[in-house]
């Protein structure tokens, strides 16, 4: 269990950077918005799992309160990113099936 959270944290921050760079490489606004929503998912999972991992390592009251804030903020980013990704994926399908 001690290895799973750091792997998820590192993977999510790497994917966050990947999607942010991918935004700069594309010119299509819809693709940029889609990549931005994917990067929001990665950022949310990074913050959420960082909060969980912090509490797992340093189980005291101060860390608990900070971890709760991280989990809430990370969860909000994650949920918003999932909703935006679904929306932009549907928009992309609409545009590409009409041709």
PDB file of N, CA and C in Angstrom:
ATOM      1  N   UNK A   1       0.820  -1.200   0.000  1.00  0.00           N
ATOM      2  CA  UNK A   1       0.000   0.000   0.000  1.00  0.00           C
ATOM      3  C   UNK A   1       0.859   1.258   0.000  1.00  0.00           C
ATOM      4  N   UNK A   2       2.050   1.156   0.568  1.00  0.00           N
ATOM      5  CA  UNK A   2       2.930   2.324   0.629  1.00  0.00           C
ATOM      6  C   UNK A   2       3.479   2.724  -0.735  1.00  0.00           C
ATOM      7  N   UNK A   3       3.417   1.821  -1.703  1.00  0.00           N
ATOM      8  CA  UNK A   3       3.978   2.098  -3.019  1.00  0.00           C
ATOM      9  C   UNK A   3       2.921   2.602  -3.999  1.00  0.00           C
ATOM     10  N   UNK A   4       1.679   2.257  -3.775  1.00  0.00           N
ATOM     11  CA  UNK A   4       0.619   2.569  -4.734  1.00  0.00           C
ATOM     12  C   UNK A   4       0.376   4.073  -4.856  1.00  0.00           C
ATOM     13  N   UNK A   5       0.248   4.767  -3.737  1.00  0.00           N
ATOM     14  CA  UNK A   5      -0.040   6.209  -3.789  1.00  0.00           C
ATOM     15  C   UNK A   5       1.076   7.019  -4.454  1.00  0.00           C
ATOM     16  N   UNK A   6       2.353   6.786  -4.130  1.00  0.00           N
ATOM     17  CA  UNK A   6       3.394   7.540  -4.845  1.00  0.00           C
ATOM     18  C   UNK A   6       3.426   7.274  -6.347  1.00  0.00           C
ATOM     19  N   UNK A   7       3.123   6.047  -6.752  1.00  0.00           N
ATOM     20  CA  UNK A   7       3.079   5.751  -8.188  1.00  0.00           C
ATOM     21  C   UNK A   7       1.948   6.516  -8.853  1.00  0.00           C
ATOM     22  N   UNK A   8       0.777   6.530  -8.228  1.00  0.00           N
ATOM     23  CA  UNK A   8      -0.365   7.268  -8.782  1.00  0.00           C
ATOM     24  C   UNK A   8      -0.059   8.769  -8.814  1.00  0.00           C
ATOM     25  N   UNK A   9       0.584   9.277  -7.775  1.00  0.00           N
ATOM     26  CA  UNK A   9       0.923  10.703  -7.715  1.00  0.00           C
ATOM     27  C   UNK A   9       1.888  11.070  -8.834  1.00  0.00           C
ATOM     28  N   UNK A  10       2.930  10.285  -9.014  1.00  0.00           N
ATOM     29  CA  UNK A  10       3.924  10.577 -10.059  1.00  0.00           C
ATOM     30  C   UNK A  10       3.300  10.433 -11.437  1.00  0.00           C
ATOM     31  N   UNK A  11       2.523   9.385 -11.642  1.00  0.00           N
ATOM     32  CA  UNK A  11       1.881   9.181 -12.938  1.00  0.00           C
ATOM     33  C   UNK A  11       0.917  10.322 -13.272  1.00  0.00           C
ATOM     34  N   UNK A  12       0.159  10.774 -12.295  1.00  0.00           N
ATOM     35  CA  UNK A  12      -0.804  11.840 -12.570  1.00  0.00           C
ATOM     36  C   UNK A  12      -0.113  13.168 -12.864  1.00  0.00           C
ATOM     37  N   UNK A  13       0.989  13.472 -12.194  1.00  0.00           N
ATOM     38  CA  UNK A  13       1.681  14.735 -12.491  1.00  0.00           C
ATOM     39  C   UNK A  13       2.388  14.667 -13.846  1.00  0.00           C
ATOM     40  N   UNK A  14       2.885  13.502 -14.215  1.00  0.00           N
ATOM     41  CA  UNK A  14       3.499  13.342 -15.544  1.00  0.00           C
ATOM     42  C   UNK A  14       2.445  13.506 -16.633  1.00  0.00           C
ATOM     43  N   UNK A  15       1.284  12.900 -16.448  1.00  0.00           N
ATOM     44  CA  UNK A  15       0.214  13.046 -17.434  1.00  0.00           C
ATOM     45  C   UNK A  15      -0.315  14.477 -17.489  1.00  0.00           C
ATOM     46  N   UNK A  16      -0.330  15.154 -16.343  1.00  0.00           N
ATOM     47  CA  UNK A  16      -0.745  16.557 -16.321  1.00  0.00           C
ATOM     48  C   UNK A  16       0.186  17.399 -17.205  1.00  0.00           C
ATOM     49  N   UNK A  17       1.472  17.213 -17.042  1.00  0.00           N
ATOM     50  CA  UNK A  17       2.443  17.954 -17.854  1.00  0.00           C
ATOM     51  C   UNK A  17       2.303  17.567 -19.325  1.00  0.00           C
ATOM     52  N   UNK A  18       2.095  16.280 -19.596  1.00  0.00           N
ATOM     53  CA  UNK A  18       1.926  15.816 -20.973  1.00  0.00           C
ATOM     54  C   UNK A  18       0.753  16.518 -21.654  1.00  0.00           C
ATOM     55  N   UNK A  19      -0.387  16.566 -20.981  1.00  0.00           N
ATOM     56  CA  UNK A  19      -1.560  17.199 -21.582  1.00  0.00           C
ATOM     57  C   UNK A  19      -1.392  18.708 -21.721  1.00  0.00           C
ATOM     58  N   UNK A  20      -0.703  19.350 -20.802  1.00  0.00           N
ATOM     59  CA  UNK A  20      -0.463  20.787 -20.924  1.00  0.00           C
ATOM     60  C   UNK A  20       0.444  21.090 -22.110  1.00  0.00           C
ATOM     61  N   UNK A  21       1.431  20.242 -22.353  1.00  0.00           N
ATOM     62  CA  UNK A  21       2.297  20.415 -23.525  1.00  0.00           C
ATOM     63  C   UNK A  21       1.515  20.115 -24.797  1.00  0.00           C
ATOM     64  N   UNK A  22       0.641  19.118 -24.753  1.00  0.00           N
ATOM     65  CA  UNK A  22      -0.177  18.776 -25.922  1.00  0.00           C
ATOM     66  C   UNK A  22      -1.102  19.933 -26.306  1.00  0.00           C
ATOM     67  N   UNK A  23      -1.548  20.704 -25.333  1.00  0.00           N
ATOM     68  CA  UNK A  23      -2.382  21.871 -25.626  1.00  0.00           C
ATOM     69  C   UNK A  23      -1.603  22.866 -26.476  1.00  0.00           C
ATOM     70  N   UNK A  24      -0.340  23.061 -26.153  1.00  0.00           N
ATOM     71  CA  UNK A  24       0.480  24.011 -26.897  1.00  0.00           C
ATOM     72  C   UNK A  24       0.794  23.524 -28.308  1.00  0.00           C
ATOM     73  N   UNK A  25       0.779  22.223 -28.540  1.00  0.00           N
ATOM     74  CA  UNK A  25       1.160  21.669 -29.832  1.00  0.00           C
ATOM     75  C   UNK A  25       0.020  21.643 -30.842  1.00  0.00           C
ATOM     76  N   UNK A  26      -1.221  21.778 -30.391  1.00  0.00           N
ATOM     77  CA  UNK A  26      -2.355  21.714 -31.307  1.00  0.00           C
ATOM     78  C   UNK A  26      -2.955  23.104 -31.512  1.00  0.00           C
ATOM     79  N   UNK A  27      -3.546  23.286 -32.656  1.00  0.00           N
ATOM     80  CA  UNK A  27      -4.157  24.579 -32.991  1.00  0.00           C
ATOM     81  C   UNK A  27      -5.674  24.547 -32.882  1.00  0.00           C
ATOM     82  N   UNK A  28      -6.267  23.362 -32.908  1.00  0.00           N
ATOM     83  CA  UNK A  28      -7.717  23.226 -32.852  1.00  0.00           C
ATOM     84  C   UNK A  28      -8.222  23.560 -31.455  1.00  0.00           C
ATOM     85  N   UNK A  29      -9.172  24.476 -31.372  1.00  0.00           N
ATOM     86  CA  UNK A  29      -9.679  24.935 -30.069  1.00  0.00           C
ATOM     87  C   UNK A  29     -10.419  23.822 -29.313  1.00  0.00           C
ATOM     88  N   UNK A  30     -11.158  22.992 -30.033  1.00  0.00           N
ATOM     89  CA  UNK A  30     -11.886  21.908 -29.395  1.00  0.00           C
ATOM     90  C   UNK A  30     -10.914  20.877 -28.808  1.00  0.00           C
ATOM     91  N   UNK A  31      -9.876  20.571 -29.543  1.00  0.00           N
ATOM     92  CA  UNK A  31      -8.864  19.629 -29.047  1.00  0.00           C
ATOM     93  C   UNK A  31      -8.130  20.221 -27.853  1.00  0.00           C
ATOM     94  N   UNK A  32      -7.862  21.513 -27.895  1.00  0.00           N
ATOM     95  CA  UNK A  32      -7.221  22.164 -26.758  1.00  0.00           C
ATOM     96  C   UNK A  32      -8.102  22.085 -25.514  1.00  0.00           C
ATOM     97  N   UNK A  33      -9.397  22.338 -25.685  1.00  0.00           N
ATOM     98  CA  UNK A  33     -10.318  22.256 -24.548  1.00  0.00           C
ATOM     99  C   UNK A  33     -10.407  20.827 -24.022  1.00  0.00           C
ATOM    100  N   UNK A  34     -10.376  19.852 -24.931  1.00  0.00           N
ATOM    101  CA  UNK A  34     -10.424  18.448 -24.524  1.00  0.00           C
ATOM    102  C   UNK A  34      -9.168  18.083 -23.734  1.00  0.00           C
ATOM    103  N   UNK A  35      -8.007  18.487 -24.238  1.00  0.00           N
ATOM    104  CA  UNK A  35      -6.764  18.204 -23.520  1.00  0.00           C
ATOM    105  C   UNK A  35      -6.711  18.931 -22.177  1.00  0.00           C
ATOM    106  N   UNK A  36      -7.276  20.123 -22.121  1.00  0.00           N
ATOM    107  CA  UNK A  36      -7.323  20.856 -20.857  1.00  0.00           C
ATOM    108  C   UNK A  36      -8.199  20.132 -19.834  1.00  0.00           C
ATOM    109  N   UNK A  37      -9.295  19.555 -20.297  1.00  0.00           N
ATOM    110  CA  UNK A  37     -10.143  18.800 -19.373  1.00  0.00           C
ATOM    111  C   UNK A  37      -9.441  17.526 -18.907  1.00  0.00           C
ATOM    112  N   UNK A  38      -8.671  16.888 -19.779  1.00  0.00           N
ATOM    113  CA  UNK A  38      -7.899  15.710 -19.377  1.00  0.00           C
ATOM    114  C   UNK A  38      -6.814  16.097 -18.373  1.00  0.00           C
ATOM    115  N   UNK A  39      -6.195  17.251 -18.574  1.00  0.00           N
ATOM    116  CA  UNK A  39      -5.173  17.698 -17.624  1.00  0.00           C
ATOM    117  C   UNK A  39      -5.803  18.052 -16.280  1.00  0.00           C
ATOM    118  N   UNK A  40      -7.037  18.527 -16.291  1.00  0.00           N
ATOM    119  CA  UNK A  40      -7.748  18.819 -15.041  1.00  0.00           C
ATOM    120  C   UNK A  40      -8.003  17.528 -14.255  1.00  0.00           C
ATOM    121  N   UNK A  41      -8.317  16.445 -14.957  1.00  0.00           N
ATOM    122  CA  UNK A  41      -8.481  15.142 -14.298  1.00  0.00           C
ATOM    123  C   UNK A  41      -7.177  14.722 -13.633  1.00  0.00           C
ATOM    124  N   UNK A  42      -6.077  14.880 -14.343  1.00  0.00           N
ATOM    125  CA  UNK A  42      -4.775  14.494 -13.793  1.00  0.00           C
ATOM    126  C   UNK A  42      -4.391  15.361 -12.600  1.00  0.00           C
ATOM    127  N   UNK A  43      -4.649  16.655 -12.693  1.00  0.00           N
ATOM    128  CA  UNK A  43      -4.359  17.547 -11.569  1.00  0.00           C
ATOM    129  C   UNK A  43      -5.220  17.203 -10.362  1.00  0.00           C
ATOM    130  N   UNK A  44      -6.489  16.937 -10.602  1.00  0.00           N
ATOM    131  CA  UNK A  44      -7.379  16.561  -9.510  1.00  0.00           C
ATOM    132  C   UNK A  44      -6.957  15.273  -8.835  1.00  0.00           C
ATOM    133  N   UNK A  45      -6.565  14.285  -9.623  1.00  0.00           N
ATOM    134  CA  UNK A  45      -6.122  13.026  -9.019  1.00  0.00           C
ATOM    135  C   UNK A  45      -4.801  13.216  -8.283  1.00  0.00           C
ATOM    136  N   UNK A  46      -3.924  14.082  -8.802  1.00  0.00           N
ATOM    137  CA  UNK A  46      -2.674  14.370  -8.106  1.00  0.00           C
ATOM    138  C   UNK A  46      -2.947  14.970  -6.724  1.00  0.00           C
ATOM    139  N   UNK A  47      -3.771  15.996  -6.676  1.00  0.00           N
ATOM    140  CA  UNK A  47      -4.056  16.676  -5.407  1.00  0.00           C
ATOM    141  C   UNK A  47      -4.795  15.740  -4.452  1.00  0.00           C
ATOM    142  N   UNK A  48      -5.763  14.988  -4.974  1.00  0.00           N
ATOM    143  CA  UNK A  48      -6.528  14.074  -4.139  1.00  0.00           C
ATOM    144  C   UNK A  48      -5.630  12.995  -3.527  1.00  0.00           C
ATOM    145  N   UNK A  49      -4.837  12.331  -4.346  1.00  0.00           N
ATOM    146  CA  UNK A  49      -3.987  11.265  -3.828  1.00  0.00           C
ATOM    147  C   UNK A  49      -2.824  11.799  -2.999  1.00  0.00           C
ATOM    148  N   UNK A  50      -2.394  13.024  -3.273  1.00  0.00           N
ATOM    149  CA  UNK A  50      -1.372  13.635  -2.426  1.00  0.00           C
ATOM    150  C   UNK A  50      -1.922  13.865  -1.020  1.00  0.00           C
ATOM    151  N   UNK A  51      -3.167  14.312  -0.935  1.00  0.00           N
ATOM    152  CA  UNK A  51      -3.806  14.501   0.366  1.00  0.00           C
ATOM    153  C   UNK A  51      -3.978  13.192   1.113  1.00  0.00           C
ATOM    154  N   UNK A  52      -4.407  12.152   0.410  1.00  0.00           N
ATOM    155  CA  UNK A  52      -4.575  10.843   1.042  1.00  0.00           C
ATOM    156  C   UNK A  52      -3.230  10.297   1.506  1.00  0.00           C
ATOM    157  N   UNK A  53      -2.220  10.418   0.651  1.00  0.00           N
ATOM    158  CA  UNK A  53      -0.884   9.919   0.998  1.00  0.00           C
ATOM    159  C   UNK A  53      -0.281  10.692   2.175  1.00  0.00           C
ATOM    160  N   UNK A  54      -0.512  11.986   2.226  1.00  0.00           N
ATOM    161  CA  UNK A  54       0.015  12.790   3.332  1.00  0.00           C
ATOM    162  C   UNK A  54      -0.562  12.326   4.659  1.00  0.00           C
ATOM    163  N   UNK A  55      -1.860  12.089   4.672  1.00  0.00           N
ATOM    164  CA  UNK A  55      -2.454  11.622   5.920  1.00  0.00           C
ATOM    165  C   UNK A  55      -1.990  10.209   6.255  1.00  0.00           C
ATOM    166  N   UNK A  56      -1.815   9.393   5.228  1.00  0.00           N
ATOM    167  CA  UNK A  56      -1.358   8.025   5.452  1.00  0.00           C
ATOM    168  C   UNK A  56       0.025   8.009   6.109  1.00  0.00           C
ATOM    169  N   UNK A  57       0.877   8.969   5.743  1.00  0.00           N
ATOM    170  CA  UNK A  57       2.245   8.998   6.277  1.00  0.00           C
ATOM    171  C   UNK A  57       2.345   9.680   7.641  1.00  0.00           C
ATOM    172  N   UNK A  58       1.662  10.833   7.821  1.00  0.00           N
ATOM    173  CA  UNK A  58       1.824  11.643   9.032  1.00  0.00           C
ATOM    174  C   UNK A  58       0.505  11.749   9.775  1.00  0.00           C
ATOM    175  N   UNK A  59       0.033  10.761  10.374  1.00  0.00           N
ATOM    176  CA  UNK A  59      -1.315  10.744  10.951  1.00  0.00           C
ATOM    177  C   UNK A  59      -1.418  11.603  12.214  1.00  0.00           C
ATOM    178  N   UNK A  60      -1.589  12.923  11.984  1.00  0.00           N
ATOM    179  CA  UNK A  60      -1.863  13.822  13.110  1.00  0.00           C
ATOM    180  C   UNK A  60      -2.985  14.781  12.716  1.00  0.00           C
ATOM    181  N   UNK A  61      -3.412  15.629  13.644  1.00  0.00           N
ATOM    182  CA  UNK A  61      -4.598  16.464  13.419  1.00  0.00           C
ATOM    183  C   UNK A  61      -4.383  17.520  12.347  1.00  0.00           C
ATOM    184  N   UNK A  62      -3.228  18.168  12.355  1.00  0.00           N
ATOM    185  CA  UNK A  62      -2.964  19.213  11.357  1.00  0.00           C
ATOM    186  C   UNK A  62      -2.959  18.621   9.961  1.00  0.00           C
ATOM    187  N   UNK A  63      -2.300  17.490   9.811  1.00  0.00           N
ATOM    188  CA  UNK A  63      -2.260  16.826   8.510  1.00  0.00           C
ATOM    189  C   UNK A  63      -3.647  16.364   8.095  1.00  0.00           C
ATOM    190  N   UNK A  64      -4.459  15.962   9.044  1.00  0.00           N
ATOM    191  CA  UNK A  64      -5.826  15.552   8.733  1.00  0.00           C
ATOM    192  C   UNK A  64      -6.605  16.702   8.110  1.00  0.00           C
ATOM    193  N   UNK A  65      -6.534  17.891   8.713  1.00  0.00           N
ATOM    194  CA  UNK A  65      -7.277  19.034   8.179  1.00  0.00           C
ATOM    195  C   UNK A  65      -6.758  19.453   6.799  1.00  0.00           C
ATOM    196  N   UNK A  66      -5.451  19.470   6.632  1.00  0.00           N
ATOM    197  CA  UNK A  66      -4.871  19.818   5.329  1.00  0.00           C
ATOM    198  C   UNK A  66      -5.226  18.761   4.294  1.00  0.00           C
ATOM    199  N   UNK A  67      -5.184  17.504   4.693  1.00  0.00           N
ATOM    200  CA  UNK A  67      -5.518  16.415   3.774  1.00  0.00           C
ATOM    201  C   UNK A  67      -6.975  16.471   3.351  1.00  0.00           C
ATOM    202  N   UNK A  68      -7.855  16.826   4.281  1.00  0.00           N
ATOM    203  CA  UNK A  68      -9.274  16.955   3.930  1.00  0.00           C
ATOM    204  C   UNK A  68      -9.469  18.043   2.884  1.00  0.00           C
ATOM    205  N   UNK A  69      -8.767  19.161   3.041  1.00  0.00           N
ATOM    206  CA  UNK A  69      -8.866  20.242   2.053  1.00  0.00           C
ATOM    207  C   UNK A  69      -8.342  19.766   0.698  1.00  0.00           C
ATOM    208  N   UNK A  70      -7.208  19.056   0.692  1.00  0.00           N
ATOM    209  CA  UNK A  70      -6.644  18.542  -0.565  1.00  0.00           C
ATOM    210  C   UNK A  70      -7.587  17.539  -1.222  1.00  0.00           C
ATOM    211  N   UNK A  71      -8.180  16.666  -0.438  1.00  0.00           N
ATOM    212  CA  UNK A  71      -9.091  15.667  -0.995  1.00  0.00           C
ATOM    213  C   UNK A  71     -10.326  16.339  -1.579  1.00  0.00           C
ATOM    214  N   UNK A  72     -10.856  17.329  -0.907  1.00  0.00           N
ATOM    215  CA  UNK A  72     -12.039  18.037  -1.420  1.00  0.00           C
ATOM    216  C   UNK A  72     -11.701  18.787  -2.708  1.00  0.00           C
ATOM    217  N   UNK A  73     -10.610  19.558  -2.696  1.00  0.00           N
ATOM    218  CA  UNK A  73     -10.221  20.306  -3.903  1.00  0.00           C
ATOM    219  C   UNK A  73      -9.870  19.377  -5.054  1.00  0.00           C
ATOM    220  N   UNK A  74      -9.137  18.315  -4.761  1.00  0.00           N
ATOM    221  CA  UNK A  74      -8.784  17.348  -5.799  1.00  0.00           C
ATOM    222  C   UNK A  74     -10.007  16.655  -6.354  1.00  0.00           C
ATOM    223  N   UNK A  75     -10.937  16.298  -5.491  1.00  0.00           N
ATOM    224  CA  UNK A  75     -12.171  15.673  -5.956  1.00  0.00           C
ATOM    225  C   UNK A  75     -12.997  16.599  -6.828  1.00  0.00           C
ATOM    226  N   UNK A  76     -13.039  17.870  -6.464  1.00  0.00           N
ATOM    227  CA  UNK A  76     -13.778  18.849  -7.268  1.00  0.00           C
ATOM    228  C   UNK A  76     -13.153  18.985  -8.657  1.00  0.00           C
ATOM    229  N   UNK A  77     -11.824  19.065  -8.719  1.00  0.00           N
ATOM    230  CA  UNK A  77     -11.133  19.150 -10.010  1.00  0.00           C
ATOM    231  C   UNK A  77     -11.363  17.893 -10.836  1.00  0.00           C
ATOM    232  N   UNK A  78     -11.303  16.758 -10.179  1.00  0.00           N
ATOM    233  CA  UNK A  78     -11.488  15.476 -10.860  1.00  0.00           C
ATOM    234  C   UNK A  78     -12.887  15.364 -11.447  1.00  0.00           C
ATOM    235  N   UNK A  79     -13.898  15.702 -10.677  1.00  0.00           N
ATOM    236  CA  UNK A  79     -15.279  15.624 -11.153  1.00  0.00           C
ATOM    237  C   UNK A  79     -15.518  16.610 -12.284  1.00  0.00           C
ATOM    238  N   UNK A  80     -15.017  17.837 -12.132  1.00  0.00           N
ATOM    239  CA  UNK A  80     -15.188  18.830 -13.199  1.00  0.00           C
ATOM    240  C   UNK A  80     -14.480  18.393 -14.479  1.00  0.00           C
ATOM    241  N   UNK A  81     -13.281  17.837 -14.326  1.00  0.00           N
ATOM    242  CA  UNK A  81     -12.552  17.346 -15.495  1.00  0.00           C
ATOM    243  C   UNK A  81     -13.271  16.211 -16.191  1.00  0.00           C
ATOM    244  N   UNK A  82     -13.864  15.302 -15.423  1.00  0.00           N
ATOM    245  CA  UNK A  82     -14.609  14.195 -16.025  1.00  0.00           C
ATOM    246  C   UNK A  82     -15.826  14.704 -16.794  1.00  0.00           C
ATOM    247  N   UNK A  83     -16.534  15.674 -16.227  1.00  0.00           N
ATOM    248  CA  UNK A  83     -17.706  16.242 -16.909  1.00  0.00           C
ATOM    249  C   UNK A  83     -17.291  16.968 -18.189  1.00  0.00           C
ATOM    250  N   UNK A  84     -16.206  17.758 -18.108  1.00  0.00           N
ATOM    251  CA  UNK A  84     -15.748  18.490 -19.289  1.00  0.00           C
ATOM    252  C   UNK A  84     -15.247  17.529 -20.363  1.00  0.00           C
ATOM    253  N   UNK A  85     -14.555  16.483 -19.967  1.00  0.00           N
ATOM    254  CA  UNK A  85     -14.056  15.513 -20.935  1.00  0.00           C
ATOM    255  C   UNK A  85     -15.209  14.845 -21.667  1.00  0.00           C
ATOM    256  N   UNK A  86     -16.237  14.471 -20.941  1.00  0.00           N
ATOM    257  CA  UNK A  86     -17.409  13.851 -21.561  1.00  0.00           C
ATOM    258  C   UNK A  86     -18.068  14.819 -22.539  1.00  0.00           C
ATOM    259  N   UNK A  87     -18.195  16.075 -22.139  1.00  0.00           N
ATOM    260  CA  UNK A  87     -18.818  17.082 -23.000  1.00  0.00           C
ATOM    261  C   UNK A  87     -18.018  17.283 -24.288  1.00  0.00           C
ATOM    262  N   UNK A  88     -16.707  17.501 -24.159  1.00  0.00           N
ATOM    263  CA  UNK A  88     -15.900  17.772 -25.345  1.00  0.00           C
ATOM    264  C   UNK A  88     -15.746  16.546 -26.226  1.00  0.00           C
ATOM    265  N   UNK A  89     -15.762  15.344 -25.650  1.00  0.00           N
ATOM    266  CA  UNK A  89     -15.726  14.129 -26.460  1.00  0.00           C
ATOM    267  C   UNK A  89     -16.995  14.025 -27.292  1.00  0.00           C
ATOM    268  N   UNK A  90     -18.142  14.344 -26.689  1.00  0.00           N
ATOM    269  CA  UNK A  90     -19.403  14.319 -27.437  1.00  0.00           C
ATOM    270  C   UNK A  90     -19.425  15.375 -28.534  1.00  0.00           C
ATOM    271  N   UNK A  91     -18.891  16.560 -28.256  1.00  0.00           N
ATOM    272  CA  UNK A  91     -18.825  17.614 -29.279  1.00  0.00           C
ATOM    273  C   UNK A  91     -17.933  17.183 -30.440  1.00  0.00           C
ATOM    274  N   UNK A  92     -16.818  16.544 -30.133  1.00  0.00           N
ATOM    275  CA  UNK A  92     -15.901  16.077 -31.173  1.00  0.00           C
ATOM    276  C   UNK A  92     -16.579  15.021 -32.033  1.00  0.00           C
ATOM    277  N   UNK A  93     -17.331  14.108 -31.405  1.00  0.00           N
ATOM    278  CA  UNK A  93     -18.053  13.081 -32.162  1.00  0.00           C
ATOM    279  C   UNK A  93     -19.103  13.700 -33.072  1.00  0.00           C
ATOM    280  N   UNK A  94     -19.808  14.733 -32.576  1.00  0.00           N
ATOM    281  CA  UNK A  94     -20.818  15.406 -33.403  1.00  0.00           C
ATOM    282  C   UNK A  94     -20.184  16.037 -34.630  1.00  0.00           C
ATOM    283  N   UNK A  95     -19.049  16.709 -34.433  1.00  0.00           N
ATOM    284  CA  UNK A  95     -18.387  17.380 -35.550  1.00  0.00           C
ATOM    285  C   UNK A  95     -17.821  16.396 -36.563  1.00  0.00           C
ATOM    286  N   UNK A  96     -17.336  15.284 -36.115  1.00  0.00           N
ATOM    287  CA  UNK A  96     -16.656  14.346 -37.019  1.00  0.00           C
ATOM    288  C   UNK A  96     -17.585  13.304 -37.626  1.00  0.00           C
ATOM    289  N   UNK A  97     -18.796  13.157 -37.152  1.00  0.00           N
ATOM    290  CA  UNK A  97     -19.730  12.219 -37.764  1.00  0.00           C
ATOM    291  C   UNK A  97     -20.624  12.896 -38.789  1.00  0.00           C
ATOM    292  N   UNK A  98     -20.640  14.233 -38.798  1.00  0.00           N
ATOM    293  CA  UNK A  98     -21.465  14.954 -39.771  1.00  0.00           C
ATOM    294  C   UNK A  98     -20.848  14.967 -41.159  1.00  0.00           C
ATOM    295  N   UNK A  99     -19.567  14.718 -41.252  1.00  0.00           N
ATOM    296  CA  UNK A  99     -18.885  14.789 -42.559  1.00  0.00           C
ATOM    297  C   UNK A  99     -19.076  13.553 -43.370  1.00  0.00           C
TER     298      UNK A  99
END
